Amino acid sequence: MDNFANVGWSEMLLMAALGFSVVFAVLVLLIFIMKAMGWVFTRQKKAAKVAVQGAVAAEEHDAMSDQEIAAAIITALKLYKSNLHDQESEMLTINRIARAYSPWNSKIHGLTQVPEHK
């Protein structure tokens, strides 16, 4: 207890200022580290994107022929399916039906009963 009483205000203020400055310096250092990590990761992502675009451009010629093959297959399936079914008039008829009362769509059943006061 005797050592604590001998500490003056100047030493206390010096330690407080030193502590605040260390914390502030570490926070600033963390900001720079985070910015550097962001720069590195975005640079890697851009490099990968450029490589993928180059590969897609090289395969673009093959992709067009694949799309043509897919269109031919779809057309053949459509023609085959249309010959299997009966010919329909393709007329759409909408009949209006009056909805009957149903407790499933009634809001009154969702309300709680008020308790009786005695």
N, C-alpha and C. Protein backbone atom coordinates (compact mmCIF):
# COMPACT_ATOMS: atom_id res chain seq x y z
N MET A 1 0.83 -1.19 0.00
CA MET A 1 0.00 0.00 0.00
C MET A 1 0.86 1.24 0.00
N ASP A 2 2.01 1.11 0.56
CA ASP A 2 2.92 2.25 0.66
C ASP A 2 3.46 2.65 -0.71
N ASN A 3 3.71 1.65 -1.58
CA ASN A 3 4.24 1.96 -2.91
C ASN A 3 3.19 2.65 -3.78
N PHE A 4 1.94 2.30 -3.58
CA PHE A 4 0.87 2.92 -4.37
C PHE A 4 0.71 4.39 -4.01
N ALA A 5 0.91 4.74 -2.78
CA ALA A 5 0.74 6.12 -2.34
C ALA A 5 1.86 7.00 -2.86
N ASN A 6 3.04 6.43 -3.14
CA ASN A 6 4.18 7.23 -3.59
C ASN A 6 4.13 7.55 -5.08
N VAL A 7 3.21 6.91 -5.85
CA VAL A 7 3.13 7.16 -7.29
C VAL A 7 2.49 8.52 -7.50
N GLY A 8 3.13 9.36 -8.32
CA GLY A 8 2.59 10.70 -8.55
C GLY A 8 1.71 10.75 -9.78
N TRP A 9 1.05 11.85 -9.94
CA TRP A 9 0.14 12.07 -11.06
C TRP A 9 0.89 12.06 -12.39
N SER A 10 2.09 12.51 -12.41
CA SER A 10 2.84 12.57 -13.67
C SER A 10 3.09 11.17 -14.22
N GLU A 11 3.43 10.21 -13.33
CA GLU A 11 3.64 8.84 -13.80
C GLU A 11 2.33 8.20 -14.26
N MET A 12 1.23 8.50 -13.56
CA MET A 12 -0.06 7.95 -13.97
C MET A 12 -0.48 8.48 -15.34
N LEU A 13 -0.33 9.76 -15.56
CA LEU A 13 -0.69 10.35 -16.84
C LEU A 13 0.21 9.82 -17.96
N LEU A 14 1.48 9.62 -17.67
CA LEU A 14 2.41 9.09 -18.65
C LEU A 14 2.02 7.66 -19.04
N MET A 15 1.67 6.83 -18.08
CA MET A 15 1.25 5.46 -18.38
C MET A 15 -0.07 5.44 -19.18
N ALA A 16 -1.00 6.30 -18.83
CA ALA A 16 -2.27 6.38 -19.55
C ALA A 16 -2.04 6.82 -20.99
N ALA A 17 -1.23 7.84 -21.20
CA ALA A 17 -0.94 8.31 -22.54
C ALA A 17 -0.20 7.24 -23.34
N LEU A 18 0.73 6.53 -22.72
CA LEU A 18 1.44 5.46 -23.38
C LEU A 18 0.48 4.33 -23.78
N GLY A 19 -0.45 3.96 -22.91
CA GLY A 19 -1.43 2.92 -23.21
C GLY A 19 -2.34 3.32 -24.37
N PHE A 20 -2.85 4.57 -24.34
CA PHE A 20 -3.70 5.03 -25.43
C PHE A 20 -2.95 5.07 -26.75
N SER A 21 -1.71 5.50 -26.73
CA SER A 21 -0.95 5.57 -27.97
C SER A 21 -0.65 4.18 -28.53
N VAL A 22 -0.38 3.21 -27.67
CA VAL A 22 -0.14 1.85 -28.14
C VAL A 22 -1.40 1.27 -28.78
N VAL A 23 -2.53 1.46 -28.14
CA VAL A 23 -3.79 0.95 -28.70
C VAL A 23 -4.09 1.63 -30.03
N PHE A 24 -3.92 2.93 -30.13
CA PHE A 24 -4.17 3.66 -31.38
C PHE A 24 -3.23 3.19 -32.49
N ALA A 25 -1.96 2.99 -32.15
CA ALA A 25 -0.98 2.52 -33.15
C ALA A 25 -1.34 1.13 -33.66
N VAL A 26 -1.77 0.26 -32.78
CA VAL A 26 -2.15 -1.09 -33.20
C VAL A 26 -3.38 -1.04 -34.10
N LEU A 27 -4.34 -0.19 -33.79
CA LEU A 27 -5.53 -0.06 -34.64
C LEU A 27 -5.17 0.45 -36.03
N VAL A 28 -4.31 1.44 -36.10
CA VAL A 28 -3.86 1.96 -37.40
C VAL A 28 -3.13 0.87 -38.18
N LEU A 29 -2.29 0.10 -37.50
CA LEU A 29 -1.57 -1.00 -38.14
C LEU A 29 -2.55 -2.05 -38.68
N LEU A 30 -3.59 -2.36 -37.92
CA LEU A 30 -4.61 -3.31 -38.38
C LEU A 30 -5.35 -2.80 -39.61
N ILE A 31 -5.61 -1.50 -39.67
CA ILE A 31 -6.26 -0.93 -40.85
C ILE A 31 -5.40 -1.15 -42.08
N PHE A 32 -4.10 -0.88 -41.97
CA PHE A 32 -3.21 -1.07 -43.12
C PHE A 32 -3.11 -2.54 -43.51
N ILE A 33 -3.10 -3.43 -42.55
CA ILE A 33 -3.03 -4.87 -42.85
C ILE A 33 -4.29 -5.31 -43.58
N MET A 34 -5.47 -4.85 -43.13
CA MET A 34 -6.72 -5.22 -43.78
C MET A 34 -6.79 -4.68 -45.21
N LYS A 35 -6.34 -3.44 -45.42
CA LYS A 35 -6.34 -2.88 -46.77
C LYS A 35 -5.40 -3.66 -47.68
N ALA A 36 -4.24 -4.07 -47.17
CA ALA A 36 -3.30 -4.85 -47.96
C ALA A 36 -3.89 -6.21 -48.32
N MET A 37 -4.58 -6.84 -47.39
CA MET A 37 -5.20 -8.14 -47.67
C MET A 37 -6.30 -7.99 -48.73
N GLY A 38 -7.07 -6.93 -48.64
CA GLY A 38 -8.10 -6.68 -49.65
C GLY A 38 -7.50 -6.47 -51.02
N TRP A 39 -6.41 -5.74 -51.09
CA TRP A 39 -5.74 -5.50 -52.36
C TRP A 39 -5.22 -6.80 -52.96
N VAL A 40 -4.63 -7.65 -52.13
CA VAL A 40 -4.08 -8.92 -52.60
C VAL A 40 -5.20 -9.83 -53.11
N PHE A 41 -6.29 -9.93 -52.37
CA PHE A 41 -7.37 -10.83 -52.77
C PHE A 41 -8.09 -10.34 -54.01
N THR A 42 -8.31 -9.04 -54.16
CA THR A 42 -8.96 -8.53 -55.37
C THR A 42 -8.04 -8.69 -56.57
N ARG A 43 -6.75 -8.58 -56.37
CA ARG A 43 -5.80 -8.78 -57.47
C ARG A 43 -5.82 -10.22 -57.94
N GLN A 44 -5.88 -11.17 -57.00
CA GLN A 44 -5.94 -12.58 -57.37
C GLN A 44 -7.25 -12.89 -58.09
N LYS A 45 -8.36 -12.28 -57.64
CA LYS A 45 -9.65 -12.53 -58.26
C LYS A 45 -9.67 -11.99 -59.70
N LYS A 46 -9.05 -10.81 -59.91
CA LYS A 46 -9.01 -10.25 -61.25
C LYS A 46 -8.17 -11.12 -62.18
N ALA A 47 -7.07 -11.64 -61.67
CA ALA A 47 -6.21 -12.50 -62.49
C ALA A 47 -6.95 -13.78 -62.87
N ALA A 48 -7.69 -14.35 -61.94
CA ALA A 48 -8.45 -15.57 -62.23
C ALA A 48 -9.57 -15.28 -63.24
N LYS A 49 -10.20 -14.10 -63.13
CA LYS A 49 -11.28 -13.73 -64.03
C LYS A 49 -10.76 -13.56 -65.46
N VAL A 50 -9.57 -12.97 -65.60
CA VAL A 50 -8.98 -12.79 -66.92
C VAL A 50 -8.65 -14.15 -67.52
N ALA A 51 -8.13 -15.07 -66.72
CA ALA A 51 -7.81 -16.41 -67.22
C ALA A 51 -9.07 -17.15 -67.68
N VAL A 52 -10.15 -17.02 -66.92
CA VAL A 52 -11.40 -17.68 -67.29
C VAL A 52 -11.96 -17.08 -68.57
N GLN A 53 -11.89 -15.76 -68.73
CA GLN A 53 -12.40 -15.12 -69.94
C GLN A 53 -11.61 -15.56 -71.16
N GLY A 54 -10.31 -15.75 -70.99
CA GLY A 54 -9.49 -16.24 -72.10
C GLY A 54 -9.88 -17.65 -72.50
N ALA A 55 -10.16 -18.49 -71.52
CA ALA A 55 -10.57 -19.87 -71.82
C ALA A 55 -11.95 -19.90 -72.46
N VAL A 56 -12.84 -19.03 -72.04
CA VAL A 56 -14.19 -18.99 -72.62
C VAL A 56 -14.12 -18.50 -74.06
N ALA A 57 -13.26 -17.53 -74.33
CA ALA A 57 -13.13 -17.03 -75.70
C ALA A 57 -12.58 -18.11 -76.62
N ALA A 58 -11.69 -18.95 -76.13
CA ALA A 58 -11.13 -20.02 -76.94
C ALA A 58 -12.18 -21.10 -77.22
N GLU A 59 -13.08 -21.34 -76.29
CA GLU A 59 -14.09 -22.37 -76.46
C GLU A 59 -15.41 -21.84 -77.03
N GLU A 60 -15.45 -20.56 -77.37
CA GLU A 60 -16.69 -19.97 -77.85
C GLU A 60 -17.15 -20.61 -79.16
N HIS A 61 -16.21 -20.97 -80.00
CA HIS A 61 -16.57 -21.60 -81.27
C HIS A 61 -17.27 -22.94 -81.02
N ASP A 62 -16.77 -23.72 -80.10
CA ASP A 62 -17.38 -25.00 -79.78
C ASP A 62 -18.73 -24.82 -79.11
N ALA A 63 -18.90 -23.75 -78.31
CA ALA A 63 -20.16 -23.51 -77.62
C ALA A 63 -21.28 -23.24 -78.61
N MET A 64 -20.98 -22.57 -79.71
CA MET A 64 -22.01 -22.30 -80.71
C MET A 64 -22.49 -23.61 -81.35
N SER A 65 -21.59 -24.51 -81.63
CA SER A 65 -22.01 -25.77 -82.22
C SER A 65 -22.80 -26.61 -81.21
N ASP A 66 -22.44 -26.52 -79.93
CA ASP A 66 -23.20 -27.23 -78.90
C ASP A 66 -24.62 -26.68 -78.80
N GLN A 67 -24.77 -25.38 -78.93
CA GLN A 67 -26.10 -24.79 -78.88
C GLN A 67 -26.94 -25.23 -80.07
N GLU A 68 -26.32 -25.35 -81.23
CA GLU A 68 -27.05 -25.80 -82.41
C GLU A 68 -27.49 -27.25 -82.24
N ILE A 69 -26.63 -28.08 -81.68
CA ILE A 69 -26.98 -29.48 -81.44
C ILE A 69 -28.14 -29.57 -80.45
N ALA A 70 -28.08 -28.76 -79.38
CA ALA A 70 -29.16 -28.77 -78.39
C ALA A 70 -30.48 -28.33 -79.02
N ALA A 71 -30.45 -27.33 -79.90
CA ALA A 71 -31.67 -26.87 -80.56
C ALA A 71 -32.24 -27.96 -81.46
N ALA A 72 -31.38 -28.71 -82.15
CA ALA A 72 -31.86 -29.79 -83.01
C ALA A 72 -32.49 -30.90 -82.19
N ILE A 73 -31.89 -31.23 -81.06
CA ILE A 73 -32.45 -32.28 -80.20
C ILE A 73 -33.80 -31.87 -79.65
N ILE A 74 -33.91 -30.63 -79.20
CA ILE A 74 -35.18 -30.13 -78.65
C ILE A 74 -36.27 -30.13 -79.71
N THR A 75 -35.92 -29.72 -80.93
CA THR A 75 -36.91 -29.70 -82.01
C THR A 75 -37.38 -31.11 -82.34
N ALA A 76 -36.44 -32.07 -82.38
CA ALA A 76 -36.82 -33.45 -82.66
C ALA A 76 -37.73 -34.01 -81.58
N LEU A 77 -37.42 -33.72 -80.30
CA LEU A 77 -38.28 -34.20 -79.22
C LEU A 77 -39.66 -33.58 -79.28
N LYS A 78 -39.75 -32.31 -79.64
CA LYS A 78 -41.04 -31.62 -79.74
C LYS A 78 -41.89 -32.26 -80.84
N LEU A 79 -41.28 -32.52 -81.97
CA LEU A 79 -42.02 -33.14 -83.07
C LEU A 79 -42.46 -34.56 -82.70
N TYR A 80 -41.62 -35.31 -82.02
CA TYR A 80 -41.96 -36.67 -81.63
C TYR A 80 -43.10 -36.68 -80.62
N LYS A 81 -43.03 -35.78 -79.62
CA LYS A 81 -44.09 -35.72 -78.60
C LYS A 81 -45.41 -35.27 -79.20
N SER A 82 -45.39 -34.39 -80.18
CA SER A 82 -46.64 -33.89 -80.74
C SER A 82 -47.37 -34.98 -81.53
N ASN A 83 -46.65 -35.95 -82.06
CA ASN A 83 -47.29 -37.05 -82.80
C ASN A 83 -47.88 -38.10 -81.87
N LEU A 84 -47.44 -38.16 -80.62
CA LEU A 84 -47.93 -39.16 -79.69
C LEU A 84 -49.32 -38.83 -79.15
N HIS A 85 -49.62 -37.58 -78.95
CA HIS A 85 -50.87 -37.18 -78.30
C HIS A 85 -51.96 -36.88 -79.31
N ASP A 86 -53.20 -36.91 -78.82
CA ASP A 86 -54.33 -36.53 -79.66
C ASP A 86 -54.25 -35.04 -79.96
N GLN A 87 -54.83 -34.68 -81.06
CA GLN A 87 -54.88 -33.27 -81.41
C GLN A 87 -55.93 -32.58 -80.55
N GLU A 88 -55.54 -31.50 -79.93
CA GLU A 88 -56.45 -30.75 -79.08
C GLU A 88 -56.73 -29.40 -79.70
N SER A 89 -57.84 -28.81 -79.29
CA SER A 89 -58.22 -27.53 -79.87
C SER A 89 -57.39 -26.38 -79.31
N GLU A 90 -56.71 -26.61 -78.23
CA GLU A 90 -55.89 -25.59 -77.56
C GLU A 90 -56.69 -24.34 -77.21
N MET A 91 -57.97 -24.54 -76.86
CA MET A 91 -58.82 -23.44 -76.43
C MET A 91 -58.88 -23.46 -74.91
N LEU A 92 -58.64 -22.33 -74.31
CA LEU A 92 -58.63 -22.22 -72.86
C LEU A 92 -60.00 -21.72 -72.40
N THR A 93 -60.61 -22.44 -71.49
CA THR A 93 -61.92 -22.07 -70.96
C THR A 93 -61.78 -21.85 -69.47
N ILE A 94 -62.28 -20.72 -69.00
CA ILE A 94 -62.23 -20.40 -67.58
C ILE A 94 -63.65 -20.39 -67.05
N ASN A 95 -63.92 -21.27 -66.11
CA ASN A 95 -65.24 -21.32 -65.47
C ASN A 95 -65.13 -20.70 -64.09
N ARG A 96 -66.03 -19.79 -63.80
CA ARG A 96 -66.04 -19.17 -62.49
C ARG A 96 -66.87 -20.04 -61.54
N ILE A 97 -66.30 -20.32 -60.37
CA ILE A 97 -66.97 -21.15 -59.38
C ILE A 97 -67.16 -20.30 -58.12
N ALA A 98 -68.40 -20.26 -57.64
CA ALA A 98 -68.67 -19.52 -56.40
C ALA A 98 -68.09 -20.32 -55.24
N ARG A 99 -67.32 -19.69 -54.42
CA ARG A 99 -66.71 -20.39 -53.30
C ARG A 99 -67.69 -20.52 -52.15
N ALA A 100 -67.81 -21.72 -51.67
CA ALA A 100 -68.68 -21.97 -50.53
C ALA A 100 -67.92 -21.61 -49.25
N TYR A 101 -68.66 -21.46 -48.14
CA TYR A 101 -68.05 -21.15 -46.86
C TYR A 101 -67.17 -22.31 -46.43
N SER A 102 -65.99 -21.98 -45.97
CA SER A 102 -65.08 -23.00 -45.46
C SER A 102 -64.41 -22.45 -44.21
N PRO A 103 -64.37 -23.25 -43.13
CA PRO A 103 -63.71 -22.75 -41.92
C PRO A 103 -62.20 -22.59 -42.11
N TRP A 104 -61.64 -23.16 -43.14
CA TRP A 104 -60.20 -23.05 -43.36
C TRP A 104 -59.81 -21.63 -43.75
N ASN A 105 -60.68 -20.90 -44.43
CA ASN A 105 -60.34 -19.55 -44.84
C ASN A 105 -61.06 -18.49 -44.01
N SER A 106 -61.66 -18.86 -42.91
CA SER A 106 -62.37 -17.92 -42.07
C SER A 106 -61.42 -17.30 -41.05
N LYS A 107 -61.41 -15.99 -40.98
CA LYS A 107 -60.51 -15.29 -40.05
C LYS A 107 -61.02 -15.32 -38.61
N ILE A 108 -62.30 -15.49 -38.43
CA ILE A 108 -62.87 -15.42 -37.09
C ILE A 108 -62.38 -16.55 -36.21
N HIS A 109 -62.04 -17.70 -36.82
CA HIS A 109 -61.58 -18.84 -36.03
C HIS A 109 -60.15 -18.65 -35.54
N GLY A 110 -59.43 -17.72 -36.13
CA GLY A 110 -58.05 -17.47 -35.70
C GLY A 110 -57.96 -16.56 -34.50
N LEU A 111 -59.05 -15.90 -34.14
CA LEU A 111 -59.03 -14.97 -33.01
C LEU A 111 -59.20 -15.74 -31.70
N THR A 112 -58.56 -15.24 -30.68
CA THR A 112 -58.69 -15.88 -29.37
C THR A 112 -59.94 -15.37 -28.67
N GLN A 113 -60.52 -16.22 -27.84
CA GLN A 113 -61.73 -15.85 -27.12
C GLN A 113 -61.38 -14.94 -25.96
N VAL A 114 -62.19 -13.95 -25.68
CA VAL A 114 -61.99 -13.06 -24.54
C VAL A 114 -62.46 -13.80 -23.29
N PRO A 115 -61.62 -13.89 -22.26
CA PRO A 115 -62.05 -14.59 -21.05
C PRO A 115 -63.17 -13.83 -20.33
N GLU A 116 -64.05 -14.58 -19.70
CA GLU A 116 -65.16 -13.99 -18.99
C GLU A 116 -64.69 -13.52 -17.62
N HIS A 117 -65.13 -12.31 -17.22
CA HIS A 117 -64.79 -11.79 -15.90
C HIS A 117 -65.89 -12.14 -14.93
N LYS A 118 -65.52 -12.66 -13.79
CA LYS A 118 -66.53 -13.02 -12.79
C LYS A 118 -66.40 -12.15 -11.58
